[in-house]
């Protein structure tokens, strides 16, 4: 699996970030996301911190789930 971070500017002082499989053609169900960050650096720092946690779980052999699998609520 090739995880990637995506950061998107969604309007006035609102940034979104998610982590998904780079090979997934449908970016509608990421492994993690955060919304309403006040700056691009805040969104990127949050995503990178979570990416480190997800990578550690993968190295240990833990299963990582997509948001929809955990919450049942689409992003």
Protein backbone atom coordinates (compact mmCIF):
# COMPACT_ATOMS: atom_id res chain seq x y z
CA UNK A 1 0.00 0.00 0.00
CA UNK A 2 1.27 3.46 -0.90
CA UNK A 3 -0.26 6.02 1.48
CA UNK A 4 -0.33 9.68 0.53
CA UNK A 5 -1.36 12.93 2.19
CA UNK A 6 -3.59 15.37 0.35
CA UNK A 7 -4.19 18.94 1.55
CA UNK A 8 -6.90 21.07 -0.07
CA UNK A 9 -7.85 24.73 0.41
CA UNK A 10 -11.63 24.84 0.79
CA UNK A 11 -12.24 28.55 1.09
CA UNK A 12 -11.65 31.39 3.47
CA UNK A 13 -9.37 30.10 6.27
CA UNK A 14 -10.52 26.50 5.81
CA UNK A 15 -8.21 23.63 4.91
CA UNK A 16 -8.93 19.90 4.58
CA UNK A 17 -6.42 17.04 4.71
CA UNK A 18 -6.75 13.31 4.23
CA UNK A 19 -4.69 10.15 3.96
CA UNK A 20 -5.52 7.63 1.29
CA UNK A 21 -3.97 4.93 -0.85
CA UNK A 22 -2.23 6.65 -3.77
CA UNK A 23 -3.41 3.84 -6.05
CA UNK A 24 -7.10 4.31 -5.14
CA UNK A 25 -8.89 5.90 -8.11
CA UNK A 26 -11.80 7.05 -5.90
CA UNK A 27 -10.63 9.45 -3.15
CA UNK A 28 -14.05 9.34 -1.45
CA UNK A 29 -13.21 7.05 1.48
CA UNK A 30 -9.82 7.89 3.02
CA UNK A 31 -8.17 6.17 5.96
CA UNK A 32 -8.19 9.44 7.89
CA UNK A 33 -9.24 13.06 7.40
CA UNK A 34 -9.44 16.40 9.16
CA UNK A 35 -11.56 19.38 8.14
CA UNK A 36 -11.74 23.04 9.13
CA UNK A 37 -8.04 23.56 9.75
CA UNK A 38 -7.25 27.26 9.94
CA UNK A 39 -4.07 27.05 7.86
CA UNK A 40 -2.26 24.87 5.37
CA UNK A 41 0.60 24.16 7.83
CA UNK A 42 -1.90 23.07 10.49
CA UNK A 43 -3.60 20.67 8.05
CA UNK A 44 -0.27 19.30 6.85
CA UNK A 45 1.13 18.86 10.36
CA UNK A 46 -2.02 17.02 11.48
CA UNK A 47 -1.90 14.74 8.45
CA UNK A 48 1.81 13.98 8.83
CA UNK A 49 1.37 13.13 12.51
CA UNK A 50 -1.44 10.73 11.64
CA UNK A 51 0.58 9.27 8.74
CA UNK A 52 3.37 8.39 11.18
CA UNK A 53 0.83 6.59 13.40
CA UNK A 54 -0.73 4.72 10.47
CA UNK A 55 2.70 3.69 9.15
CA UNK A 56 3.62 2.34 12.59
CA UNK A 57 0.42 0.31 12.72
CA UNK A 58 1.12 -1.10 9.25
CA UNK A 59 4.69 -2.07 10.23
CA UNK A 60 3.28 -3.97 13.23
CA UNK A 61 0.87 -5.76 10.90
CA UNK A 62 -2.24 -4.07 12.29
CA UNK A 63 -5.19 -3.62 9.97
CA UNK A 64 -6.02 -0.04 9.08
CA UNK A 65 -9.58 0.83 8.22
CA UNK A 66 -11.12 3.46 6.02
CA UNK A 67 -13.31 6.16 7.58
CA UNK A 68 -16.50 4.67 6.15
CA UNK A 69 -15.67 1.23 7.59
CA UNK A 70 -15.29 2.72 11.07
CA UNK A 71 -17.99 5.40 11.16
CA UNK A 72 -20.45 4.38 8.48
CA UNK A 73 -20.61 8.07 7.54
CA UNK A 74 -19.28 9.14 4.12
CA UNK A 75 -16.65 11.86 4.02
